[in-house]
């Protein structure tokens, strides 16, 4: 429910862009509100069958530029280091790696460092 509200908020504020090709939605990207001069591109999605056609790059470039135009000094995004395709795209768009993060999930009945 919180994700839905966040997406509705982005749409209402014009911080979510739906990319179309010949009137058909093909990709989307959103951007957070700018906080301390920084905005984050999220969420973003292109259906698997439509990837490799430049749609993701176009919509990501557009929301990144919109965030900068709206006052963000920095625009960031998180990516999967194991995905060379998206990482190459983001480099072409001018993004650069700054630091690595590890996401660790603990589930009910597990203790941190065990059960994984």
N, C-alpha and C. Protein backbone atom coordinates (compact mmCIF):
# COMPACT_ATOMS: atom_id res chain seq x y z
N UNK A 1 0.82 -1.19 0.00
CA UNK A 1 0.00 0.00 0.00
C UNK A 1 0.87 1.26 0.00
N UNK A 2 1.97 1.24 0.76
CA UNK A 2 2.85 2.41 0.80
C UNK A 2 3.49 2.65 -0.56
N UNK A 3 3.83 1.58 -1.26
CA UNK A 3 4.41 1.73 -2.60
C UNK A 3 3.41 2.36 -3.55
N UNK A 4 2.17 1.96 -3.43
CA UNK A 4 1.12 2.51 -4.29
C UNK A 4 0.95 4.01 -4.04
N UNK A 5 0.95 4.39 -2.75
CA UNK A 5 0.83 5.81 -2.41
C UNK A 5 2.02 6.61 -2.93
N UNK A 6 3.21 6.03 -2.81
CA UNK A 6 4.41 6.71 -3.30
C UNK A 6 4.33 6.90 -4.81
N UNK A 7 3.87 5.88 -5.53
CA UNK A 7 3.73 6.00 -6.98
C UNK A 7 2.65 7.01 -7.35
N UNK A 8 1.52 6.96 -6.66
CA UNK A 8 0.45 7.94 -6.91
C UNK A 8 0.97 9.36 -6.67
N UNK A 9 1.78 9.54 -5.63
CA UNK A 9 2.36 10.85 -5.31
C UNK A 9 3.28 11.30 -6.44
N UNK A 10 4.12 10.39 -6.94
CA UNK A 10 5.02 10.75 -8.04
C UNK A 10 4.25 11.15 -9.29
N UNK A 11 3.21 10.42 -9.59
CA UNK A 11 2.40 10.73 -10.78
C UNK A 11 1.76 12.10 -10.62
N UNK A 12 1.16 12.35 -9.46
CA UNK A 12 0.49 13.63 -9.22
C UNK A 12 1.46 14.80 -9.30
N UNK A 13 2.70 14.59 -8.87
CA UNK A 13 3.72 15.65 -8.89
C UNK A 13 4.47 15.73 -10.22
N UNK A 14 4.13 14.88 -11.17
CA UNK A 14 4.83 14.88 -12.45
C UNK A 14 6.23 14.30 -12.37
N UNK A 15 6.48 13.44 -11.37
CA UNK A 15 7.80 12.84 -11.21
C UNK A 15 7.83 11.39 -11.67
N UNK A 16 6.89 11.01 -12.52
CA UNK A 16 6.85 9.67 -13.09
C UNK A 16 6.56 9.83 -14.58
N UNK A 17 7.36 9.19 -15.40
CA UNK A 17 7.23 9.34 -16.85
C UNK A 17 6.95 7.99 -17.49
N UNK A 18 5.92 7.93 -18.28
CA UNK A 18 5.58 6.73 -19.05
C UNK A 18 6.01 6.98 -20.48
N UNK A 19 6.95 6.18 -20.97
CA UNK A 19 7.46 6.32 -22.33
C UNK A 19 6.60 5.50 -23.27
N UNK A 20 6.22 6.11 -24.39
CA UNK A 20 5.37 5.43 -25.37
C UNK A 20 6.07 5.34 -26.71
N UNK A 21 5.75 4.31 -27.44
CA UNK A 21 6.19 4.13 -28.82
C UNK A 21 4.96 3.84 -29.65
N UNK A 22 4.65 4.75 -30.56
CA UNK A 22 3.45 4.64 -31.41
C UNK A 22 2.19 4.47 -30.57
N UNK A 23 2.11 5.25 -29.47
CA UNK A 23 0.93 5.23 -28.63
C UNK A 23 0.85 4.09 -27.65
N UNK A 24 1.86 3.23 -27.61
CA UNK A 24 1.87 2.07 -26.72
C UNK A 24 2.90 2.29 -25.61
N UNK A 25 2.50 2.12 -24.34
CA UNK A 25 3.47 2.26 -23.25
C UNK A 25 4.55 1.19 -23.37
N UNK A 26 5.82 1.62 -23.29
CA UNK A 26 6.92 0.67 -23.46
C UNK A 26 7.93 0.69 -22.30
N UNK A 27 7.93 1.75 -21.52
CA UNK A 27 8.88 1.85 -20.41
C UNK A 27 8.41 2.95 -19.47
N UNK A 28 8.87 2.90 -18.22
CA UNK A 28 8.52 3.95 -17.28
C UNK A 28 9.66 4.14 -16.31
N UNK A 29 9.73 5.36 -15.78
CA UNK A 29 10.70 5.68 -14.74
C UNK A 29 10.13 6.81 -13.90
N UNK A 30 10.50 6.79 -12.65
CA UNK A 30 10.08 7.83 -11.72
C UNK A 30 11.29 8.40 -11.02
N UNK A 31 11.07 9.47 -10.29
CA UNK A 31 12.15 10.10 -9.55
C UNK A 31 11.59 10.58 -8.22
N UNK A 32 12.38 10.46 -7.18
CA UNK A 32 11.95 10.91 -5.85
C UNK A 32 11.97 12.43 -5.78
N UNK A 33 11.38 12.97 -4.74
CA UNK A 33 11.52 14.39 -4.47
C UNK A 33 12.99 14.68 -4.17
N UNK A 34 13.42 15.86 -4.50
CA UNK A 34 14.80 16.25 -4.21
C UNK A 34 14.94 16.54 -2.73
N UNK A 35 15.94 15.94 -2.12
CA UNK A 35 16.21 16.13 -0.71
C UNK A 35 17.70 16.39 -0.57
N UNK A 36 18.06 17.48 0.05
CA UNK A 36 19.47 17.87 0.22
C UNK A 36 20.18 17.92 -1.13
N UNK A 37 19.45 18.37 -2.15
CA UNK A 37 20.03 18.53 -3.48
C UNK A 37 20.13 17.27 -4.31
N UNK A 38 19.61 16.14 -3.79
CA UNK A 38 19.74 14.86 -4.48
C UNK A 38 18.38 14.24 -4.75
N UNK A 39 18.20 13.74 -5.97
CA UNK A 39 17.00 12.99 -6.34
C UNK A 39 17.45 11.59 -6.78
N UNK A 40 16.58 10.62 -6.61
CA UNK A 40 16.89 9.23 -6.97
C UNK A 40 15.92 8.74 -8.03
N UNK A 41 16.45 8.17 -9.10
CA UNK A 41 15.62 7.57 -10.13
C UNK A 41 15.12 6.23 -9.60
N UNK A 42 13.83 6.14 -9.41
CA UNK A 42 13.16 4.92 -8.95
C UNK A 42 11.67 5.16 -8.92
N UNK A 43 10.81 4.28 -9.25
CA UNK A 43 11.08 2.99 -9.86
C UNK A 43 11.33 3.15 -11.35
N UNK A 44 11.85 2.12 -11.96
CA UNK A 44 11.96 2.12 -13.42
C UNK A 44 11.74 0.70 -13.91
N UNK A 45 11.12 0.59 -15.08
CA UNK A 45 10.81 -0.74 -15.60
C UNK A 45 10.57 -0.69 -17.10
N UNK A 46 11.08 -1.68 -17.79
CA UNK A 46 10.77 -1.95 -19.19
C UNK A 46 10.45 -3.44 -19.26
N UNK A 47 9.31 -3.83 -19.82
CA UNK A 47 9.00 -5.26 -19.91
C UNK A 47 10.11 -6.01 -20.66
N UNK A 48 10.42 -7.22 -20.23
CA UNK A 48 11.52 -7.98 -20.86
C UNK A 48 11.44 -8.06 -22.38
N UNK A 49 10.25 -8.21 -22.91
CA UNK A 49 10.11 -8.36 -24.37
C UNK A 49 10.37 -7.05 -25.13
N UNK A 50 10.46 -5.94 -24.42
CA UNK A 50 10.70 -4.64 -25.07
C UNK A 50 12.10 -4.09 -24.80
N UNK A 51 12.91 -4.86 -24.10
CA UNK A 51 14.26 -4.40 -23.77
C UNK A 51 15.18 -4.46 -24.99
N UNK A 52 16.23 -3.67 -24.95
CA UNK A 52 17.20 -3.66 -26.05
C UNK A 52 16.82 -2.76 -27.21
N UNK A 53 15.81 -1.92 -27.03
CA UNK A 53 15.34 -1.04 -28.10
C UNK A 53 15.57 0.44 -27.79
N UNK A 54 16.21 0.73 -26.67
CA UNK A 54 16.51 2.12 -26.32
C UNK A 54 15.46 2.80 -25.47
N UNK A 55 14.36 2.11 -25.16
CA UNK A 55 13.29 2.73 -24.39
C UNK A 55 13.74 3.07 -22.98
N UNK A 56 14.42 2.14 -22.31
CA UNK A 56 14.87 2.36 -20.93
C UNK A 56 15.85 3.53 -20.87
N UNK A 57 16.75 3.60 -21.82
CA UNK A 57 17.71 4.70 -21.85
C UNK A 57 17.02 6.04 -22.05
N UNK A 58 16.04 6.07 -22.94
CA UNK A 58 15.33 7.31 -23.22
C UNK A 58 14.55 7.80 -22.01
N UNK A 59 13.81 6.91 -21.36
CA UNK A 59 12.99 7.33 -20.22
C UNK A 59 13.87 7.68 -19.02
N UNK A 60 14.97 6.96 -18.82
CA UNK A 60 15.88 7.26 -17.71
C UNK A 60 16.57 8.61 -17.94
N UNK A 61 16.99 8.86 -19.15
CA UNK A 61 17.61 10.15 -19.47
C UNK A 61 16.61 11.28 -19.26
N UNK A 62 15.36 11.07 -19.66
CA UNK A 62 14.33 12.11 -19.54
C UNK A 62 14.02 12.44 -18.08
N UNK A 63 13.83 11.42 -17.22
CA UNK A 63 13.53 11.73 -15.82
C UNK A 63 14.76 12.31 -15.10
N UNK A 64 15.94 11.88 -15.51
CA UNK A 64 17.16 12.43 -14.91
C UNK A 64 17.28 13.92 -15.25
N UNK A 65 17.04 14.26 -16.51
CA UNK A 65 17.09 15.66 -16.93
C UNK A 65 16.01 16.48 -16.25
N UNK A 66 14.82 15.90 -16.10
CA UNK A 66 13.72 16.61 -15.44
C UNK A 66 14.07 16.89 -13.98
N UNK A 67 14.71 15.94 -13.31
CA UNK A 67 15.10 16.14 -11.92
C UNK A 67 16.12 17.27 -11.81
N UNK A 68 17.08 17.29 -12.72
CA UNK A 68 18.08 18.36 -12.72
C UNK A 68 17.42 19.71 -12.99
N UNK A 69 16.49 19.73 -13.94
CA UNK A 69 15.78 20.98 -14.26
C UNK A 69 14.95 21.47 -13.08
N UNK A 70 14.48 20.53 -12.26
CA UNK A 70 13.66 20.88 -11.10
C UNK A 70 14.51 21.27 -9.89
N UNK A 71 15.84 21.26 -10.05
CA UNK A 71 16.69 21.74 -8.97
C UNK A 71 17.62 20.74 -8.32
N UNK A 72 17.56 19.47 -8.71
CA UNK A 72 18.47 18.49 -8.11
C UNK A 72 19.89 18.76 -8.61
N UNK A 73 20.82 18.85 -7.66
CA UNK A 73 22.23 19.00 -8.04
C UNK A 73 22.82 17.65 -8.41
N UNK A 74 22.32 16.59 -7.78
CA UNK A 74 22.77 15.24 -8.08
C UNK A 74 21.56 14.36 -8.32
N UNK A 75 21.71 13.43 -9.25
CA UNK A 75 20.67 12.43 -9.51
C UNK A 75 21.37 11.08 -9.40
N UNK A 76 20.81 10.21 -8.58
CA UNK A 76 21.43 8.90 -8.34
C UNK A 76 20.46 7.79 -8.70
N UNK A 77 21.00 6.61 -8.90
CA UNK A 77 20.18 5.41 -9.04
C UNK A 77 20.99 4.23 -8.54
N UNK A 78 20.29 3.18 -8.16
CA UNK A 78 20.94 1.96 -7.71
C UNK A 78 20.77 0.93 -8.82
N UNK A 79 21.81 0.15 -9.03
CA UNK A 79 21.79 -0.86 -10.08
C UNK A 79 22.41 -2.14 -9.57
N UNK A 80 22.15 -3.20 -10.27
CA UNK A 80 22.69 -4.51 -9.93
C UNK A 80 24.04 -4.67 -10.62
N UNK A 81 25.11 -4.81 -9.86
CA UNK A 81 26.44 -4.94 -10.45
C UNK A 81 26.55 -6.16 -11.37
N UNK A 82 25.67 -7.13 -11.19
CA UNK A 82 25.71 -8.34 -12.01
C UNK A 82 25.02 -8.15 -13.36
N UNK A 83 24.49 -6.95 -13.63
CA UNK A 83 23.79 -6.69 -14.89
C UNK A 83 24.62 -5.75 -15.76
N UNK A 84 25.48 -6.31 -16.62
CA UNK A 84 26.35 -5.46 -17.43
C UNK A 84 25.60 -4.59 -18.44
N UNK A 85 24.43 -5.03 -18.88
CA UNK A 85 23.66 -4.27 -19.86
C UNK A 85 23.19 -2.95 -19.26
N UNK A 86 22.53 -3.02 -18.09
CA UNK A 86 22.04 -1.78 -17.49
C UNK A 86 23.20 -0.90 -17.03
N UNK A 87 24.26 -1.50 -16.53
CA UNK A 87 25.40 -0.70 -16.07
C UNK A 87 26.05 0.05 -17.23
N UNK A 88 26.16 -0.58 -18.39
CA UNK A 88 26.71 0.10 -19.57
C UNK A 88 25.79 1.24 -20.00
N UNK A 89 24.49 1.01 -19.95
CA UNK A 89 23.52 2.05 -20.30
C UNK A 89 23.69 3.26 -19.37
N UNK A 90 23.74 3.02 -18.08
CA UNK A 90 23.85 4.14 -17.14
C UNK A 90 25.15 4.91 -17.34
N UNK A 91 26.24 4.22 -17.65
CA UNK A 91 27.50 4.92 -17.95
C UNK A 91 27.35 5.79 -19.18
N UNK A 92 26.67 5.28 -20.21
CA UNK A 92 26.44 6.08 -21.43
C UNK A 92 25.61 7.33 -21.13
N UNK A 93 24.73 7.24 -20.15
CA UNK A 93 23.88 8.37 -19.77
C UNK A 93 24.62 9.36 -18.86
N UNK A 94 25.84 9.03 -18.46
CA UNK A 94 26.62 9.93 -17.63
C UNK A 94 26.69 9.56 -16.16
N UNK A 95 26.05 8.48 -15.77
CA UNK A 95 26.15 8.03 -14.39
C UNK A 95 27.51 7.37 -14.19
N UNK A 96 27.99 7.42 -12.96
CA UNK A 96 29.24 6.75 -12.64
C UNK A 96 29.09 6.04 -11.30
N UNK A 97 29.82 4.95 -11.15
CA UNK A 97 29.78 4.20 -9.90
C UNK A 97 30.40 5.03 -8.79
N UNK A 98 29.74 5.07 -7.64
CA UNK A 98 30.24 5.82 -6.51
C UNK A 98 30.61 4.87 -5.38
N UNK A 99 29.72 3.97 -5.05
CA UNK A 99 30.00 3.00 -3.99
C UNK A 99 29.11 1.79 -4.15
N UNK A 100 29.50 0.71 -3.51
CA UNK A 100 28.73 -0.53 -3.53
C UNK A 100 27.92 -0.65 -2.25
N UNK A 101 26.75 -1.25 -2.36
CA UNK A 101 25.91 -1.54 -1.21
C UNK A 101 25.56 -3.01 -1.24
N UNK A 102 25.38 -3.59 -0.08
CA UNK A 102 24.94 -4.97 0.04
C UNK A 102 23.57 -4.95 0.69
N UNK A 103 22.64 -5.70 0.11
CA UNK A 103 21.31 -5.83 0.69
C UNK A 103 21.22 -7.22 1.30
N UNK A 104 20.90 -7.27 2.55
CA UNK A 104 20.80 -8.54 3.26
C UNK A 104 19.42 -8.62 3.87
N UNK A 105 18.73 -9.71 3.65
CA UNK A 105 17.40 -9.89 4.21
C UNK A 105 17.42 -11.00 5.25
N UNK A 106 16.78 -10.76 6.36
CA UNK A 106 16.59 -11.78 7.39
C UNK A 106 15.11 -12.09 7.44
N UNK A 107 14.81 -13.34 7.48
CA UNK A 107 13.40 -13.76 7.52
C UNK A 107 13.07 -14.31 8.89
N UNK A 108 11.80 -14.36 9.20
CA UNK A 108 11.35 -14.86 10.51
C UNK A 108 12.02 -16.19 10.82
N UNK A 109 12.53 -16.31 12.03
CA UNK A 109 13.16 -17.56 12.46
C UNK A 109 14.64 -17.62 12.16
N UNK A 110 15.18 -16.63 11.42
CA UNK A 110 16.61 -16.61 11.12
C UNK A 110 17.29 -15.58 11.98
N UNK A 111 18.56 -15.79 12.23
CA UNK A 111 19.36 -14.78 12.90
C UNK A 111 20.35 -14.23 11.89
N UNK A 112 20.69 -12.98 12.04
CA UNK A 112 21.65 -12.36 11.12
C UNK A 112 22.92 -13.20 11.07
N UNK A 113 23.35 -13.52 9.87
CA UNK A 113 24.58 -14.29 9.69
C UNK A 113 24.36 -15.79 9.65
N UNK A 114 23.12 -16.24 9.88
CA UNK A 114 22.83 -17.68 9.85
C UNK A 114 21.61 -17.94 8.98
N UNK A 115 21.52 -19.12 8.50
CA UNK A 115 20.33 -19.55 7.77
C UNK A 115 20.26 -19.08 6.34
N UNK A 116 21.34 -18.57 5.79
CA UNK A 116 21.28 -18.10 4.41
C UNK A 116 22.09 -19.01 3.54
